[in-house]
């Protein structure tokens, strides 16, 4: 269970970042959210954050490094090996979900993000529950 969540959302789409910002900070009331607009120089930027995230939301189809490669970096770092890393993607066919599970994601929230269900999904994540949500 995560008592004081620190979130990081890595997403190249501005409107998606803004939706998550509003949902996490305003609707859910969690103040600790960092947003990256891409995965360029990811680990250096991550290390430069004031607070280390313990919940990551990763867009899978981003550049220059995709969500799978970012997950590899996180899992290779002892500080983030056990962090909750949630894939955020519109590619939610059964074989996509199985691949995400196999490579070590903690869960999936399929896009588009549904503002009515996202707060409950975050509560499940913070409770340490596996979450594989396909809208």
C-alpha atoms as a PDB file:
ATOM      1  CA  UNK A   1       0.000   0.000   0.000  1.00  0.00           C
ATOM      2  CA  UNK A   2       1.292   3.437  -0.923  1.00  0.00           C
ATOM      3  CA  UNK A   3       0.486   6.059   1.713  1.00  0.00           C
ATOM      4  CA  UNK A   4       2.066   9.129   0.105  1.00  0.00           C
ATOM      5  CA  UNK A   5       2.017   8.584  -3.641  1.00  0.00           C
ATOM      6  CA  UNK A   6       4.419  10.456  -5.863  1.00  0.00           C
ATOM      7  CA  UNK A   7       3.329  10.119  -9.480  1.00  0.00           C
ATOM      8  CA  UNK A   8       5.191  10.509 -12.748  1.00  0.00           C
ATOM      9  CA  UNK A   9       3.332  10.458 -16.050  1.00  0.00           C
ATOM     10  CA  UNK A  10       5.418  10.212 -19.218  1.00  0.00           C
ATOM     11  CA  UNK A  11       3.232  11.100 -22.188  1.00  0.00           C
ATOM     12  CA  UNK A  12       3.872  12.914 -25.470  1.00  0.00           C
ATOM     13  CA  UNK A  13       0.246  13.999 -25.944  1.00  0.00           C
ATOM     14  CA  UNK A  14      -0.467  17.359 -24.271  1.00  0.00           C
ATOM     15  CA  UNK A  15      -4.201  16.778 -23.773  1.00  0.00           C
ATOM     16  CA  UNK A  16      -3.568  13.383 -22.132  1.00  0.00           C
ATOM     17  CA  UNK A  17      -1.057  14.983 -19.742  1.00  0.00           C
ATOM     18  CA  UNK A  18      -3.544  17.706 -18.869  1.00  0.00           C
ATOM     19  CA  UNK A  19      -6.362  15.217 -18.203  1.00  0.00           C
ATOM     20  CA  UNK A  20      -4.165  13.186 -15.840  1.00  0.00           C
ATOM     21  CA  UNK A  21      -2.906  16.367 -14.139  1.00  0.00           C
ATOM     22  CA  UNK A  22      -6.473  17.459 -13.386  1.00  0.00           C
ATOM     23  CA  UNK A  23      -7.590  13.996 -12.268  1.00  0.00           C
ATOM     24  CA  UNK A  24      -4.641  13.359  -9.948  1.00  0.00           C
ATOM     25  CA  UNK A  25      -4.170  16.827  -8.456  1.00  0.00           C
ATOM     26  CA  UNK A  26      -7.704  18.227  -8.432  1.00  0.00           C
ATOM     27  CA  UNK A  27     -10.102  15.281  -8.413  1.00  0.00           C
ATOM     28  CA  UNK A  28      -8.030  12.927  -6.263  1.00  0.00           C
ATOM     29  CA  UNK A  29      -6.220  15.696  -4.383  1.00  0.00           C
ATOM     30  CA  UNK A  30      -2.702  14.252  -4.635  1.00  0.00           C
ATOM     31  CA  UNK A  31      -0.163  17.086  -4.858  1.00  0.00           C
ATOM     32  CA  UNK A  32       2.894  15.115  -5.983  1.00  0.00           C
ATOM     33  CA  UNK A  33       2.775  14.716  -9.745  1.00  0.00           C
ATOM     34  CA  UNK A  34       5.557  15.202 -12.270  1.00  0.00           C
ATOM     35  CA  UNK A  35       4.873  15.241 -15.995  1.00  0.00           C
ATOM     36  CA  UNK A  36       7.396  14.468 -18.729  1.00  0.00           C
ATOM     37  CA  UNK A  37       6.427  15.333 -22.311  1.00  0.00           C
ATOM     38  CA  UNK A  38       8.760  12.684 -23.727  1.00  0.00           C
ATOM     39  CA  UNK A  39      11.274  10.052 -22.684  1.00  0.00           C
ATOM     40  CA  UNK A  40      14.395  11.953 -23.769  1.00  0.00           C
ATOM     41  CA  UNK A  41      17.221  11.560 -21.222  1.00  0.00           C
ATOM     42  CA  UNK A  42      14.722   9.809 -18.967  1.00  0.00           C
ATOM     43  CA  UNK A  43      16.905   8.562 -16.102  1.00  0.00           C
ATOM     44  CA  UNK A  44      18.772  11.862 -15.717  1.00  0.00           C
ATOM     45  CA  UNK A  45      15.480  13.771 -15.584  1.00  0.00           C
ATOM     46  CA  UNK A  46      14.034  11.235 -13.163  1.00  0.00           C
ATOM     47  CA  UNK A  47      17.026  11.577 -10.839  1.00  0.00           C
ATOM     48  CA  UNK A  48      16.677  15.375 -10.957  1.00  0.00           C
ATOM     49  CA  UNK A  49      13.132  15.316  -9.566  1.00  0.00           C
ATOM     50  CA  UNK A  50      12.713  16.709  -6.071  1.00  0.00           C
ATOM     51  CA  UNK A  51      10.777  13.602  -4.974  1.00  0.00           C
ATOM     52  CA  UNK A  52      11.248  10.079  -6.297  1.00  0.00           C
ATOM     53  CA  UNK A  53       8.073   8.706  -7.857  1.00  0.00           C
ATOM     54  CA  UNK A  54       6.611   5.447  -6.596  1.00  0.00           C
ATOM     55  CA  UNK A  55       3.819   5.285  -9.189  1.00  0.00           C
ATOM     56  CA  UNK A  56       4.671   5.623 -12.877  1.00  0.00           C
ATOM     57  CA  UNK A  57       2.228   5.966 -15.733  1.00  0.00           C
ATOM     58  CA  UNK A  58       3.987   5.303 -19.030  1.00  0.00           C
ATOM     59  CA  UNK A  59       2.686   5.925 -22.504  1.00  0.00           C
ATOM     60  CA  UNK A  60       3.830   2.950 -24.558  1.00  0.00           C
ATOM     61  CA  UNK A  61       4.042   4.667 -27.954  1.00  0.00           C
ATOM     62  CA  UNK A  62       6.388   7.528 -27.129  1.00  0.00           C
ATOM     63  CA  UNK A  63       9.722   8.756 -28.409  1.00  0.00           C
ATOM     64  CA  UNK A  64      12.657   8.632 -28.373  1.00  0.00           C
ATOM     65  CA  UNK A  65      12.419   5.663 -25.985  1.00  0.00           C
ATOM     66  CA  UNK A  66       9.158   3.695 -25.838  1.00  0.00           C
ATOM     67  CA  UNK A  67       7.390   2.584 -22.674  1.00  0.00           C
ATOM     68  CA  UNK A  68       8.900  -0.906 -22.798  1.00  0.00           C
ATOM     69  CA  UNK A  69      12.416   0.524 -22.813  1.00  0.00           C
ATOM     70  CA  UNK A  70      11.597   2.951 -20.007  1.00  0.00           C
ATOM     71  CA  UNK A  71      10.261   0.020 -17.969  1.00  0.00           C
ATOM     72  CA  UNK A  72      13.573  -1.805 -18.508  1.00  0.00           C
ATOM     73  CA  UNK A  73      15.471   1.216 -17.189  1.00  0.00           C
ATOM     74  CA  UNK A  74      13.249   1.440 -14.128  1.00  0.00           C
ATOM     75  CA  UNK A  75      13.442  -2.254 -13.298  1.00  0.00           C
ATOM     76  CA  UNK A  76      17.248  -2.181 -13.689  1.00  0.00           C
ATOM     77  CA  UNK A  77      17.507   0.541 -11.029  1.00  0.00           C
ATOM     78  CA  UNK A  78      17.257  -0.793  -7.465  1.00  0.00           C
ATOM     79  CA  UNK A  79      15.392   2.338  -6.345  1.00  0.00           C
ATOM     80  CA  UNK A  80      12.541   1.694  -8.796  1.00  0.00           C
ATOM     81  CA  UNK A  81      12.614  -2.097  -9.127  1.00  0.00           C
ATOM     82  CA  UNK A  82       9.437  -2.478  -7.050  1.00  0.00           C
ATOM     83  CA  UNK A  83       7.637   0.699  -8.110  1.00  0.00           C
ATOM     84  CA  UNK A  84       4.149   0.518  -9.538  1.00  0.00           C
ATOM     85  CA  UNK A  85       4.601   0.980 -13.303  1.00  0.00           C
ATOM     86  CA  UNK A  86       1.345   1.240 -15.190  1.00  0.00           C
ATOM     87  CA  UNK A  87       1.173   1.111 -18.986  1.00  0.00           C
ATOM     88  CA  UNK A  88      -1.114   3.652 -20.622  1.00  0.00           C
ATOM     89  CA  UNK A  89      -1.983   2.687 -24.180  1.00  0.00           C
ATOM     90  CA  UNK A  90      -4.757   2.406 -26.718  1.00  0.00           C
ATOM     91  CA  UNK A  91      -3.253  -0.919 -27.910  1.00  0.00           C
ATOM     92  CA  UNK A  92      -5.244  -3.244 -25.713  1.00  0.00           C
ATOM     93  CA  UNK A  93      -5.715  -6.398 -27.723  1.00  0.00           C
ATOM     94  CA  UNK A  94      -5.275  -9.573 -25.662  1.00  0.00           C
ATOM     95  CA  UNK A  95      -1.773 -10.204 -27.059  1.00  0.00           C
ATOM     96  CA  UNK A  96      -0.765  -6.622 -26.125  1.00  0.00           C
ATOM     97  CA  UNK A  97      -1.975  -7.137 -22.553  1.00  0.00           C
ATOM     98  CA  UNK A  98      -0.103 -10.446 -22.288  1.00  0.00           C
ATOM     99  CA  UNK A  99       3.100  -8.796 -23.527  1.00  0.00           C
ATOM    100  CA  UNK A 100       2.757  -5.997 -20.952  1.00  0.00           C
ATOM    101  CA  UNK A 101       2.324  -8.580 -18.182  1.00  0.00           C
ATOM    102  CA  UNK A 102       5.224 -10.694 -19.422  1.00  0.00           C
ATOM    103  CA  UNK A 103       7.745  -7.841 -19.500  1.00  0.00           C
ATOM    104  CA  UNK A 104       6.914  -6.728 -15.971  1.00  0.00           C
ATOM    105  CA  UNK A 105       4.405  -3.890 -15.989  1.00  0.00           C
ATOM    106  CA  UNK A 106       2.398  -3.655 -12.759  1.00  0.00           C
ATOM    107  CA  UNK A 107      -0.776  -2.971 -14.679  1.00  0.00           C
ATOM    108  CA  UNK A 108      -2.535  -1.336 -17.588  1.00  0.00           C
ATOM    109  CA  UNK A 109      -5.009   1.463 -18.026  1.00  0.00           C
ATOM    110  CA  UNK A 110      -6.302   1.459 -21.567  1.00  0.00           C
ATOM    111  CA  UNK A 111      -6.865   4.710 -23.410  1.00  0.00           C
ATOM    112  CA  UNK A 112      -8.883   6.764 -23.765  1.00  0.00           C
ATOM    113  CA  UNK A 113      -8.702   7.719 -20.100  1.00  0.00           C
ATOM    114  CA  UNK A 114     -12.185   7.650 -18.622  1.00  0.00           C
ATOM    115  CA  UNK A 115     -12.555  10.451 -16.079  1.00  0.00           C
ATOM    116  CA  UNK A 116     -15.370   8.607 -14.302  1.00  0.00           C
ATOM    117  CA  UNK A 117     -13.341   5.433 -13.692  1.00  0.00           C
ATOM    118  CA  UNK A 118      -9.755   6.714 -13.402  1.00  0.00           C
ATOM    119  CA  UNK A 119     -10.005   7.752  -9.701  1.00  0.00           C
ATOM    120  CA  UNK A 120     -11.159   4.261  -8.691  1.00  0.00           C
ATOM    121  CA  UNK A 121      -8.390   2.695 -10.774  1.00  0.00           C
ATOM    122  CA  UNK A 122      -5.782   4.804  -8.977  1.00  0.00           C
ATOM    123  CA  UNK A 123      -7.190   3.697  -5.612  1.00  0.00           C
ATOM    124  CA  UNK A 124      -6.685   0.049  -6.658  1.00  0.00           C
ATOM    125  CA  UNK A 125      -3.105   0.816  -7.734  1.00  0.00           C
ATOM    126  CA  UNK A 126      -2.342   2.543  -4.417  1.00  0.00           C
ATOM    127  CA  UNK A 127      -3.757  -0.464  -2.565  1.00  0.00           C
ATOM    128  CA  UNK A 128      -1.164  -2.625  -4.350  1.00  0.00           C
ATOM    129  CA  UNK A 129      -3.727  -4.505  -6.426  1.00  0.00           C
ATOM    130  CA  UNK A 130      -3.001  -5.762  -9.914  1.00  0.00           C
ATOM    131  CA  UNK A 131      -4.915  -3.686 -12.414  1.00  0.00           C
ATOM    132  CA  UNK A 132      -5.472  -4.590 -16.062  1.00  0.00           C
ATOM    133  CA  UNK A 133      -8.187  -2.207 -17.183  1.00  0.00           C
ATOM    134  CA  UNK A 134      -9.417  -2.161 -20.767  1.00  0.00           C
ATOM    135  CA  UNK A 135     -12.283   0.292 -21.377  1.00  0.00           C
END
